[in-house]
Amino acid sequence: MRARPGDQHCALDAVLGLLSGKWKVLLLWELHDRPRRFGELRRSLDGISEKVLSAHLRELENDGLCLRMEQAGAVLHVEYSLTGAGSELLGALVPLTEWSLTHLRD
């Protein structure tokens, strides 16, 4: 996996660029326990449009964080799952979640 081209100031800036967008972290979370189909993801993320979901999944795939798997049959089925790098990144976000629960109030 390579950092996206651009004006990154540090390694943290590069990884935040991979997660930019309102839905990417939530998509990683939805994929954490098992592969999911496009429709499942759309239903689980209330408010996301098909266009944005498709674009974010494509970006996550291009960034090496998720994998798109096509299953041939009478009807083509497509599932998305995390790559090893995607799982590692999601694990790295756990301390941020813990910090948020400790320091941010409703």
PDB file of N, CA and C in Angstrom:
ATOM      1  N   MET A   1       0.840  -1.160   0.000  1.00  0.00           N
ATOM      2  CA  MET A   1       0.000   0.000   0.000  1.00  0.00           C
ATOM      3  C   MET A   1       0.894   1.234   0.000  1.00  0.00           C
ATOM      4  N   ARG A   2       0.518   2.204  -0.800  1.00  0.00           N
ATOM      5  CA  ARG A   2       1.285   3.430  -0.879  1.00  0.00           C
ATOM      6  C   ARG A   2       0.403   4.591  -0.449  1.00  0.00           C
ATOM      7  N   ALA A   3       1.033   5.601   0.124  1.00  0.00           N
ATOM      8  CA  ALA A   3       0.297   6.807   0.494  1.00  0.00           C
ATOM      9  C   ALA A   3      -0.176   7.493  -0.779  1.00  0.00           C
ATOM     10  N   ARG A   4      -1.281   8.156  -0.692  1.00  0.00           N
ATOM     11  CA  ARG A   4      -1.784   8.921  -1.832  1.00  0.00           C
ATOM     12  C   ARG A   4      -0.875  10.104  -2.091  1.00  0.00           C
ATOM     13  N   PRO A   5      -0.740  10.475  -3.348  1.00  0.00           N
ATOM     14  CA  PRO A   5       0.056  11.670  -3.635  1.00  0.00           C
ATOM     15  C   PRO A   5      -0.641  12.902  -3.088  1.00  0.00           C
ATOM     16  N   GLY A   6       0.135  13.871  -2.705  1.00  0.00           N
ATOM     17  CA  GLY A   6      -0.438  15.108  -2.189  1.00  0.00           C
ATOM     18  C   GLY A   6       0.514  15.781  -1.236  1.00  0.00           C
ATOM     19  N   ASP A   7       0.004  16.747  -0.541  1.00  0.00           N
ATOM     20  CA  ASP A   7       0.807  17.538   0.384  1.00  0.00           C
ATOM     21  C   ASP A   7       0.696  16.991   1.798  1.00  0.00           C
ATOM     22  N   GLN A   8       1.269  15.818   2.044  1.00  0.00           N
ATOM     23  CA  GLN A   8       1.232  15.254   3.380  1.00  0.00           C
ATOM     24  C   GLN A   8       2.393  15.811   4.181  1.00  0.00           C
ATOM     25  N   HIS A   9       2.086  16.204   5.404  1.00  0.00           N
ATOM     26  CA  HIS A   9       3.104  16.799   6.259  1.00  0.00           C
ATOM     27  C   HIS A   9       3.803  15.758   7.116  1.00  0.00           C
ATOM     28  N   CYS A  10       3.116  14.647   7.380  1.00  0.00           N
ATOM     29  CA  CYS A  10       3.708  13.613   8.212  1.00  0.00           C
ATOM     30  C   CYS A  10       2.963  12.301   7.956  1.00  0.00           C
ATOM     31  N   ALA A  11       3.436  11.242   8.585  1.00  0.00           N
ATOM     32  CA  ALA A  11       2.814   9.926   8.394  1.00  0.00           C
ATOM     33  C   ALA A  11       1.368   9.915   8.884  1.00  0.00           C
ATOM     34  N   LEU A  12       1.089  10.630   9.962  1.00  0.00           N
ATOM     35  CA  LEU A  12      -0.275  10.698  10.478  1.00  0.00           C
ATOM     36  C   LEU A  12      -1.195  11.385   9.468  1.00  0.00           C
ATOM     37  N   ASP A  13      -0.712  12.435   8.836  1.00  0.00           N
ATOM     38  CA  ASP A  13      -1.483  13.122   7.805  1.00  0.00           C
ATOM     39  C   ASP A  13      -1.800  12.172   6.656  1.00  0.00           C
ATOM     40  N   ALA A  14      -0.855  11.302   6.312  1.00  0.00           N
ATOM     41  CA  ALA A  14      -1.069  10.341   5.216  1.00  0.00           C
ATOM     42  C   ALA A  14      -2.163   9.342   5.568  1.00  0.00           C
ATOM     43  N   VAL A  15      -2.155   8.808   6.785  1.00  0.00           N
ATOM     44  CA  VAL A  15      -3.176   7.830   7.159  1.00  0.00           C
ATOM     45  C   VAL A  15      -4.536   8.493   7.314  1.00  0.00           C
ATOM     46  N   LEU A  16      -4.573   9.713   7.806  1.00  0.00           N
ATOM     47  CA  LEU A  16      -5.850  10.426   7.891  1.00  0.00           C
ATOM     48  C   LEU A  16      -6.416  10.690   6.504  1.00  0.00           C
ATOM     49  N   GLY A  17      -5.546  10.856   5.527  1.00  0.00           N
ATOM     50  CA  GLY A  17      -6.002  10.994   4.149  1.00  0.00           C
ATOM     51  C   GLY A  17      -6.688   9.729   3.652  1.00  0.00           C
ATOM     52  N   LEU A  18      -6.186   8.568   4.074  1.00  0.00           N
ATOM     53  CA  LEU A  18      -6.826   7.310   3.690  1.00  0.00           C
ATOM     54  C   LEU A  18      -8.221   7.182   4.293  1.00  0.00           C
ATOM     55  N   LEU A  19      -8.432   7.809   5.442  1.00  0.00           N
ATOM     56  CA  LEU A  19      -9.705   7.701   6.148  1.00  0.00           C
ATOM     57  C   LEU A  19     -10.613   8.908   5.925  1.00  0.00           C
ATOM     58  N   SER A  20     -10.190   9.815   5.049  1.00  0.00           N
ATOM     59  CA  SER A  20     -10.996  11.009   4.835  1.00  0.00           C
ATOM     60  C   SER A  20     -12.344  10.638   4.231  1.00  0.00           C
ATOM     61  N   GLY A  21     -13.330  11.344   4.635  1.00  0.00           N
ATOM     62  CA  GLY A  21     -14.688  11.062   4.199  1.00  0.00           C
ATOM     63  C   GLY A  21     -15.510  10.629   5.397  1.00  0.00           C
ATOM     64  N   LYS A  22     -16.742  11.026   5.393  1.00  0.00           N
ATOM     65  CA  LYS A  22     -17.625  10.791   6.535  1.00  0.00           C
ATOM     66  C   LYS A  22     -17.836   9.314   6.844  1.00  0.00           C
ATOM     67  N   TRP A  23     -17.767   8.445   5.834  1.00  0.00           N
ATOM     68  CA  TRP A  23     -18.223   7.068   5.990  1.00  0.00           C
ATOM     69  C   TRP A  23     -17.123   6.014   6.062  1.00  0.00           C
ATOM     70  N   LYS A  24     -15.888   6.350   5.777  1.00  0.00           N
ATOM     71  CA  LYS A  24     -14.856   5.317   5.635  1.00  0.00           C
ATOM     72  C   LYS A  24     -14.591   4.538   6.921  1.00  0.00           C
ATOM     73  N   VAL A  25     -14.486   5.210   8.035  1.00  0.00           N
ATOM     74  CA  VAL A  25     -14.251   4.503   9.291  1.00  0.00           C
ATOM     75  C   VAL A  25     -15.438   3.601   9.602  1.00  0.00           C
ATOM     76  N   LEU A  26     -16.643   4.095   9.342  1.00  0.00           N
ATOM     77  CA  LEU A  26     -17.842   3.283   9.582  1.00  0.00           C
ATOM     78  C   LEU A  26     -17.883   2.081   8.648  1.00  0.00           C
ATOM     79  N   LEU A  27     -17.425   2.240   7.422  1.00  0.00           N
ATOM     80  CA  LEU A  27     -17.350   1.105   6.498  1.00  0.00           C
ATOM     81  C   LEU A  27     -16.356   0.066   6.992  1.00  0.00           C
ATOM     82  N   LEU A  28     -15.201   0.511   7.457  1.00  0.00           N
ATOM     83  CA  LEU A  28     -14.221  -0.432   8.007  1.00  0.00           C
ATOM     84  C   LEU A  28     -14.830  -1.195   9.175  1.00  0.00           C
ATOM     85  N   TRP A  29     -15.562  -0.481  10.032  1.00  0.00           N
ATOM     86  CA  TRP A  29     -16.180  -1.141  11.174  1.00  0.00           C
ATOM     87  C   TRP A  29     -17.207  -2.171  10.715  1.00  0.00           C
ATOM     88  N   GLU A  30     -18.017  -1.841   9.726  1.00  0.00           N
ATOM     89  CA  GLU A  30     -19.034  -2.774   9.240  1.00  0.00           C
ATOM     90  C   GLU A  30     -18.407  -4.045   8.661  1.00  0.00           C
ATOM     91  N   LEU A  31     -17.191  -3.932   8.149  1.00  0.00           N
ATOM     92  CA  LEU A  31     -16.521  -5.076   7.535  1.00  0.00           C
ATOM     93  C   LEU A  31     -15.656  -5.852   8.523  1.00  0.00           C
ATOM     94  N   HIS A  32     -15.615  -5.441   9.789  1.00  0.00           N
ATOM     95  CA  HIS A  32     -14.639  -6.015  10.718  1.00  0.00           C
ATOM     96  C   HIS A  32     -14.875  -7.485  11.037  1.00  0.00           C
ATOM     97  N   ASP A  33     -16.122  -7.959  11.000  1.00  0.00           N
ATOM     98  CA  ASP A  33     -16.356  -9.333  11.451  1.00  0.00           C
ATOM     99  C   ASP A  33     -16.644 -10.324  10.331  1.00  0.00           C
ATOM    100  N   ARG A  34     -17.066  -9.824   9.168  1.00  0.00           N
ATOM    101  CA  ARG A  34     -17.353 -10.738   8.060  1.00  0.00           C
ATOM    102  C   ARG A  34     -17.520  -9.940   6.774  1.00  0.00           C
ATOM    103  N   PRO A  35     -17.403 -10.612   5.630  1.00  0.00           N
ATOM    104  CA  PRO A  35     -17.659  -9.934   4.360  1.00  0.00           C
ATOM    105  C   PRO A  35     -19.118  -9.482   4.275  1.00  0.00           C
ATOM    106  N   ARG A  36     -19.325  -8.405   3.568  1.00  0.00           N
ATOM    107  CA  ARG A  36     -20.683  -7.862   3.410  1.00  0.00           C
ATOM    108  C   ARG A  36     -20.928  -7.504   1.947  1.00  0.00           C
ATOM    109  N   ARG A  37     -22.179  -7.652   1.564  1.00  0.00           N
ATOM    110  CA  ARG A  37     -22.584  -7.254   0.215  1.00  0.00           C
ATOM    111  C   ARG A  37     -22.930  -5.766   0.217  1.00  0.00           C
ATOM    112  N   PHE A  38     -22.934  -5.191  -0.976  1.00  0.00           N
ATOM    113  CA  PHE A  38     -23.188  -3.764  -1.146  1.00  0.00           C
ATOM    114  C   PHE A  38     -24.500  -3.354  -0.470  1.00  0.00           C
ATOM    115  N   GLY A  39     -25.567  -4.097  -0.725  1.00  0.00           N
ATOM    116  CA  GLY A  39     -26.870  -3.765  -0.158  1.00  0.00           C
ATOM    117  C   GLY A  39     -26.877  -3.810   1.358  1.00  0.00           C
ATOM    118  N   GLU A  40     -26.160  -4.766   1.922  1.00  0.00           N
ATOM    119  CA  GLU A  40     -26.050  -4.854   3.382  1.00  0.00           C
ATOM    120  C   GLU A  40     -25.388  -3.603   3.943  1.00  0.00           C
ATOM    121  N   LEU A  41     -24.306  -3.190   3.287  1.00  0.00           N
ATOM    122  CA  LEU A  41     -23.596  -2.001   3.745  1.00  0.00           C
ATOM    123  C   LEU A  41     -24.486  -0.768   3.635  1.00  0.00           C
ATOM    124  N   ARG A  42     -25.210  -0.650   2.537  1.00  0.00           N
ATOM    125  CA  ARG A  42     -26.095   0.506   2.332  1.00  0.00           C
ATOM    126  C   ARG A  42     -27.163   0.563   3.432  1.00  0.00           C
ATOM    127  N   ARG A  43     -27.726  -0.580   3.771  1.00  0.00           N
ATOM    128  CA  ARG A  43     -28.767  -0.606   4.812  1.00  0.00           C
ATOM    129  C   ARG A  43     -28.203  -0.341   6.207  1.00  0.00           C
ATOM    130  N   SER A  44     -26.977  -0.752   6.451  1.00  0.00           N
ATOM    131  CA  SER A  44     -26.406  -0.587   7.788  1.00  0.00           C
ATOM    132  C   SER A  44     -25.915   0.836   8.051  1.00  0.00           C
ATOM    133  N   LEU A  45     -25.696   1.606   6.997  1.00  0.00           N
ATOM    134  CA  LEU A  45     -25.209   2.977   7.149  1.00  0.00           C
ATOM    135  C   LEU A  45     -26.308   3.942   6.721  1.00  0.00           C
ATOM    136  N   ASP A  46     -27.197   4.221   7.630  1.00  0.00           N
ATOM    137  CA  ASP A  46     -28.342   5.071   7.354  1.00  0.00           C
ATOM    138  C   ASP A  46     -27.889   6.454   6.876  1.00  0.00           C
ATOM    139  N   GLY A  47     -28.335   6.830   5.699  1.00  0.00           N
ATOM    140  CA  GLY A  47     -28.027   8.153   5.173  1.00  0.00           C
ATOM    141  C   GLY A  47     -26.977   8.169   4.076  1.00  0.00           C
ATOM    142  N   ILE A  48     -26.271   7.072   3.856  1.00  0.00           N
ATOM    143  CA  ILE A  48     -25.266   7.048   2.800  1.00  0.00           C
ATOM    144  C   ILE A  48     -25.955   6.810   1.456  1.00  0.00           C
ATOM    145  N   SER A  49     -25.527   7.530   0.443  1.00  0.00           N
ATOM    146  CA  SER A  49     -26.086   7.327  -0.891  1.00  0.00           C
ATOM    147  C   SER A  49     -25.323   6.201  -1.592  1.00  0.00           C
ATOM    148  N   GLU A  50     -25.950   5.609  -2.592  1.00  0.00           N
ATOM    149  CA  GLU A  50     -25.276   4.550  -3.347  1.00  0.00           C
ATOM    150  C   GLU A  50     -24.018   5.077  -4.016  1.00  0.00           C
ATOM    151  N   LYS A  51     -24.084   6.304  -4.521  1.00  0.00           N
ATOM    152  CA  LYS A  51     -22.934   6.907  -5.204  1.00  0.00           C
ATOM    153  C   LYS A  51     -21.751   7.060  -4.248  1.00  0.00           C
ATOM    154  N   VAL A  52     -22.000   7.573  -3.055  1.00  0.00           N
ATOM    155  CA  VAL A  52     -20.925   7.769  -2.082  1.00  0.00           C
ATOM    156  C   VAL A  52     -20.401   6.422  -1.588  1.00  0.00           C
ATOM    157  N   LEU A  53     -21.305   5.481  -1.317  1.00  0.00           N
ATOM    158  CA  LEU A  53     -20.880   4.152  -0.881  1.00  0.00           C
ATOM    159  C   LEU A  53     -19.977   3.508  -1.923  1.00  0.00           C
ATOM    160  N   SER A  54     -20.390   3.575  -3.165  1.00  0.00           N
ATOM    161  CA  SER A  54     -19.598   2.996  -4.243  1.00  0.00           C
ATOM    162  C   SER A  54     -18.229   3.668  -4.345  1.00  0.00           C
ATOM    163  N   ALA A  55     -18.201   4.986  -4.252  1.00  0.00           N
ATOM    164  CA  ALA A  55     -16.931   5.723  -4.350  1.00  0.00           C
ATOM    165  C   ALA A  55     -16.014   5.388  -3.176  1.00  0.00           C
ATOM    166  N   HIS A  56     -16.565   5.339  -1.957  1.00  0.00           N
ATOM    167  CA  HIS A  56     -15.733   5.036  -0.787  1.00  0.00           C
ATOM    168  C   HIS A  56     -15.208   3.606  -0.841  1.00  0.00           C
ATOM    169  N   LEU A  57     -16.038   2.663  -1.251  1.00  0.00           N
ATOM    170  CA  LEU A  57     -15.566   1.277  -1.365  1.00  0.00           C
ATOM    171  C   LEU A  57     -14.452   1.174  -2.406  1.00  0.00           C
ATOM    172  N   ARG A  58     -14.607   1.864  -3.519  1.00  0.00           N
ATOM    173  CA  ARG A  58     -13.574   1.862  -4.557  1.00  0.00           C
ATOM    174  C   ARG A  58     -12.271   2.445  -4.010  1.00  0.00           C
ATOM    175  N   GLU A  59     -12.360   3.552  -3.259  1.00  0.00           N
ATOM    176  CA  GLU A  59     -11.156   4.163  -2.689  1.00  0.00           C
ATOM    177  C   GLU A  59     -10.506   3.237  -1.662  1.00  0.00           C
ATOM    178  N   LEU A  60     -11.316   2.613  -0.807  1.00  0.00           N
ATOM    179  CA  LEU A  60     -10.754   1.682   0.168  1.00  0.00           C
ATOM    180  C   LEU A  60     -10.077   0.501  -0.522  1.00  0.00           C
ATOM    181  N   GLU A  61     -10.676   0.047  -1.622  1.00  0.00           N
ATOM    182  CA  GLU A  61     -10.063  -1.043  -2.386  1.00  0.00           C
ATOM    183  C   GLU A  61      -8.758  -0.588  -3.023  1.00  0.00           C
ATOM    184  N   ASN A  62      -8.762   0.572  -3.647  1.00  0.00           N
ATOM    185  CA  ASN A  62      -7.543   1.099  -4.276  1.00  0.00           C
ATOM    186  C   ASN A  62      -6.436   1.363  -3.267  1.00  0.00           C
ATOM    187  N   ASP A  63      -6.823   1.693  -2.033  1.00  0.00           N
ATOM    188  CA  ASP A  63      -5.844   1.950  -0.980  1.00  0.00           C
ATOM    189  C   ASP A  63      -5.380   0.672  -0.284  1.00  0.00           C
ATOM    190  N   GLY A  64      -5.929  -0.482  -0.698  1.00  0.00           N
ATOM    191  CA  GLY A  64      -5.504  -1.757  -0.132  1.00  0.00           C
ATOM    192  C   GLY A  64      -6.109  -2.074   1.221  1.00  0.00           C
ATOM    193  N   LEU A  65      -7.221  -1.415   1.572  1.00  0.00           N
ATOM    194  CA  LEU A  65      -7.840  -1.631   2.877  1.00  0.00           C
ATOM    195  C   LEU A  65      -9.023  -2.587   2.819  1.00  0.00           C
ATOM    196  N   CYS A  66      -9.644  -2.720   1.665  1.00  0.00           N
ATOM    197  CA  CYS A  66     -10.729  -3.696   1.519  1.00  0.00           C
ATOM    198  C   CYS A  66     -10.562  -4.428   0.193  1.00  0.00           C
ATOM    199  N   LEU A  67     -11.218  -5.555   0.118  1.00  0.00           N
ATOM    200  CA  LEU A  67     -11.128  -6.436  -1.041  1.00  0.00           C
ATOM    201  C   LEU A  67     -12.524  -6.627  -1.616  1.00  0.00           C
ATOM    202  N   ARG A  68     -12.638  -6.514  -2.922  1.00  0.00           N
ATOM    203  CA  ARG A  68     -13.898  -6.747  -3.621  1.00  0.00           C
ATOM    204  C   ARG A  68     -13.829  -8.139  -4.229  1.00  0.00           C
ATOM    205  N   MET A  69     -14.784  -9.009  -3.846  1.00  0.00           N
ATOM    206  CA  MET A  69     -14.781 -10.388  -4.336  1.00  0.00           C
ATOM    207  C   MET A  69     -16.056 -10.631  -5.136  1.00  0.00           C
ATOM    208  N   GLU A  70     -15.889 -11.043  -6.379  1.00  0.00           N
ATOM    209  CA  GLU A  70     -17.031 -11.383  -7.224  1.00  0.00           C
ATOM    210  C   GLU A  70     -17.262 -12.880  -7.171  1.00  0.00           C
ATOM    211  N   GLN A  71     -18.521 -13.269  -6.983  1.00  0.00           N
ATOM    212  CA  GLN A  71     -18.888 -14.677  -6.966  1.00  0.00           C
ATOM    213  C   GLN A  71     -19.842 -14.919  -8.123  1.00  0.00           C
ATOM    214  N   ALA A  72     -19.358 -15.653  -9.103  1.00  0.00           N
ATOM    215  CA  ALA A  72     -20.161 -15.928 -10.290  1.00  0.00           C
ATOM    216  C   ALA A  72     -21.259 -16.932  -9.965  1.00  0.00           C
ATOM    217  N   GLY A  73     -22.313 -16.851 -10.666  1.00  0.00           N
ATOM    218  CA  GLY A  73     -23.455 -17.739 -10.510  1.00  0.00           C
ATOM    219  C   GLY A  73     -24.545 -17.263 -11.449  1.00  0.00           C
ATOM    220  N   ALA A  74     -25.761 -17.688 -11.205  1.00  0.00           N
ATOM    221  CA  ALA A  74     -26.874 -17.219 -12.019  1.00  0.00           C
ATOM    222  C   ALA A  74     -26.956 -15.690 -11.951  1.00  0.00           C
ATOM    223  N   VAL A  75     -26.686 -15.164 -10.759  1.00  0.00           N
ATOM    224  CA  VAL A  75     -26.625 -13.716 -10.547  1.00  0.00           C
ATOM    225  C   VAL A  75     -25.257 -13.410  -9.940  1.00  0.00           C
ATOM    226  N   LEU A  76     -24.591 -12.392 -10.464  1.00  0.00           N
ATOM    227  CA  LEU A  76     -23.283 -12.006  -9.939  1.00  0.00           C
ATOM    228  C   LEU A  76     -23.450 -11.437  -8.533  1.00  0.00           C
ATOM    229  N   HIS A  77     -22.718 -11.976  -7.585  1.00  0.00           N
ATOM    230  CA  HIS A  77     -22.720 -11.469  -6.213  1.00  0.00           C
ATOM    231  C   HIS A  77     -21.355 -10.856  -5.945  1.00  0.00           C
ATOM    232  N   VAL A  78     -21.352  -9.693  -5.330  1.00  0.00           N
ATOM    233  CA  VAL A  78     -20.116  -9.019  -4.964  1.00  0.00           C
ATOM    234  C   VAL A  78     -20.112  -8.816  -3.461  1.00  0.00           C
ATOM    235  N   GLU A  79     -19.024  -9.210  -2.826  1.00  0.00           N
ATOM    236  CA  GLU A  79     -18.844  -9.015  -1.393  1.00  0.00           C
ATOM    237  C   GLU A  79     -17.578  -8.216  -1.150  1.00  0.00           C
ATOM    238  N   TYR A  80     -17.598  -7.480  -0.069  1.00  0.00           N
ATOM    239  CA  TYR A  80     -16.450  -6.680   0.348  1.00  0.00           C
ATOM    240  C   TYR A  80     -15.975  -7.189   1.699  1.00  0.00           C
ATOM    241  N   SER A  81     -14.668  -7.249   1.878  1.00  0.00           N
ATOM    242  CA  SER A  81     -14.088  -7.667   3.150  1.00  0.00           C
ATOM    243  C   SER A  81     -12.832  -6.846   3.405  1.00  0.00           C
ATOM    244  N   LEU A  82     -12.375  -6.874   4.643  1.00  0.00           N
ATOM    245  CA  LEU A  82     -11.142  -6.170   4.978  1.00  0.00           C
ATOM    246  C   LEU A  82      -9.931  -6.973   4.532  1.00  0.00           C
ATOM    247  N   THR A  83      -8.907  -6.283   4.120  1.00  0.00           N
ATOM    248  CA  THR A  83      -7.608  -6.913   3.895  1.00  0.00           C
ATOM    249  C   THR A  83      -6.890  -6.954   5.243  1.00  0.00           C
ATOM    250  N   GLY A  84      -5.741  -7.578   5.271  1.00  0.00           N
ATOM    251  CA  GLY A  84      -4.942  -7.570   6.492  1.00  0.00           C
ATOM    252  C   GLY A  84      -4.605  -6.154   6.929  1.00  0.00           C
ATOM    253  N   ALA A  85      -4.256  -5.315   5.970  1.00  0.00           N
ATOM    254  CA  ALA A  85      -3.931  -3.917   6.290  1.00  0.00           C
ATOM    255  C   ALA A  85      -5.151  -3.184   6.834  1.00  0.00           C
ATOM    256  N   GLY A  86      -6.330  -3.467   6.272  1.00  0.00           N
ATOM    257  CA  GLY A  86      -7.556  -2.847   6.764  1.00  0.00           C
ATOM    258  C   GLY A  86      -7.863  -3.259   8.192  1.00  0.00           C
ATOM    259  N   SER A  87      -7.654  -4.536   8.500  1.00  0.00           N
ATOM    260  CA  SER A  87      -7.866  -5.021   9.872  1.00  0.00           C
ATOM    261  C   SER A  87      -6.884  -4.374  10.847  1.00  0.00           C
ATOM    262  N   GLU A  88      -5.634  -4.257  10.420  1.00  0.00           N
ATOM    263  CA  GLU A  88      -4.631  -3.615  11.268  1.00  0.00           C
ATOM    264  C   GLU A  88      -4.983  -2.153  11.524  1.00  0.00           C
ATOM    265  N   LEU A  89      -5.418  -1.458  10.481  1.00  0.00           N
ATOM    266  CA  LEU A  89      -5.791  -0.053  10.637  1.00  0.00           C
ATOM    267  C   LEU A  89      -6.981   0.081  11.578  1.00  0.00           C
ATOM    268  N   LEU A  90      -7.968  -0.779  11.423  1.00  0.00           N
ATOM    269  CA  LEU A  90      -9.124  -0.738  12.316  1.00  0.00           C
ATOM    270  C   LEU A  90      -8.691  -0.983  13.760  1.00  0.00           C
ATOM    271  N   GLY A  91      -7.770  -1.916  13.964  1.00  0.00           N
ATOM    272  CA  GLY A  91      -7.241  -2.159  15.305  1.00  0.00           C
ATOM    273  C   GLY A  91      -6.512  -0.945  15.870  1.00  0.00           C
ATOM    274  N   ALA A  92      -5.850  -0.209  14.995  1.00  0.00           N
ATOM    275  CA  ALA A  92      -5.140   0.994  15.441  1.00  0.00           C
ATOM    276  C   ALA A  92      -6.104   2.102  15.848  1.00  0.00           C
ATOM    277  N   LEU A  93      -7.344   2.021  15.401  1.00  0.00           N
ATOM    278  CA  LEU A  93      -8.336   3.039  15.748  1.00  0.00           C
ATOM    279  C   LEU A  93      -8.988   2.791  17.112  1.00  0.00           C
ATOM    280  N   VAL A  94      -8.810   1.592  17.665  1.00  0.00           N
ATOM    281  CA  VAL A  94      -9.411   1.261  18.965  1.00  0.00           C
ATOM    282  C   VAL A  94      -8.965   2.234  20.060  1.00  0.00           C
ATOM    283  N   PRO A  95      -7.667   2.569  20.170  1.00  0.00           N
ATOM    284  CA  PRO A  95      -7.284   3.543  21.202  1.00  0.00           C
ATOM    285  C   PRO A  95      -7.948   4.914  21.010  1.00  0.00           C
ATOM    286  N   LEU A  96      -8.199   5.313  19.785  1.00  0.00           N
ATOM    287  CA  LEU A  96      -8.910   6.578  19.561  1.00  0.00           C
ATOM    288  C   LEU A  96     -10.339   6.492  20.079  1.00  0.00           C
ATOM    289  N   THR A  97     -10.963   5.343  19.895  1.00  0.00           N
ATOM    290  CA  THR A  97     -12.312   5.136  20.407  1.00  0.00           C
ATOM    291  C   THR A  97     -12.310   5.216  21.925  1.00  0.00           C
ATOM    292  N   GLU A  98     -11.337   4.571  22.540  1.00  0.00           N
ATOM    293  CA  GLU A  98     -11.245   4.600  24.000  1.00  0.00           C
ATOM    294  C   GLU A  98     -11.006   6.019  24.506  1.00  0.00           C
ATOM    295  N   TRP A  99     -10.153   6.764  23.828  1.00  0.00           N
ATOM    296  CA  TRP A  99      -9.898   8.158  24.200  1.00  0.00           C
ATOM    297  C   TRP A  99     -11.187   8.963  24.094  1.00  0.00           C
ATOM    298  N   SER A 100     -11.919   8.757  23.015  1.00  0.00           N
ATOM    299  CA  SER A 100     -13.178   9.467  22.803  1.00  0.00           C
ATOM    300  C   SER A 100     -14.174   9.183  23.925  1.00  0.00           C
ATOM    301  N   LEU A 101     -14.292   7.924  24.308  1.00  0.00           N
ATOM    302  CA  LEU A 101     -15.226   7.567  25.375  1.00  0.00           C
ATOM    303  C   LEU A 101     -14.835   8.193  26.710  1.00  0.00           C
ATOM    304  N   THR A 102     -13.544   8.395  26.917  1.00  0.00           N
ATOM    305  CA  THR A 102     -13.063   8.983  28.155  1.00  0.00           C
ATOM    306  C   THR A 102     -13.178  10.512  28.165  1.00  0.00           C
ATOM    307  N   HIS A 103     -12.900  11.142  27.036  1.00  0.00           N
ATOM    308  CA  HIS A 103     -12.737  12.608  27.030  1.00  0.00           C
ATOM    309  C   HIS A 103     -13.856  13.391  26.345  1.00  0.00           C
ATOM    310  N   LEU A 104     -14.630  12.775  25.501  1.00  0.00           N
ATOM    311  CA  LEU A 104     -15.676  13.515  24.811  1.00  0.00           C
ATOM    312  C   LEU A 104     -17.021  13.238  25.464  1.00  0.00           C
ATOM    313  N   ARG A 105     -17.740  14.234  25.686  1.00  0.00           N
ATOM    314  CA  ARG A 105     -19.053  14.107  26.314  1.00  0.00           C
ATOM    315  C   ARG A 105     -20.133  14.344  25.263  1.00  0.00           C
ATOM    316  N   ASP A 106     -21.334  13.794  25.520  1.00  0.00           N
ATOM    317  CA  ASP A 106     -22.468  14.011  24.621  1.00  0.00           C
ATOM    318  C   ASP A 106     -22.907  15.469  24.666  1.00  0.00           C
TER     319      ASP A 106
END
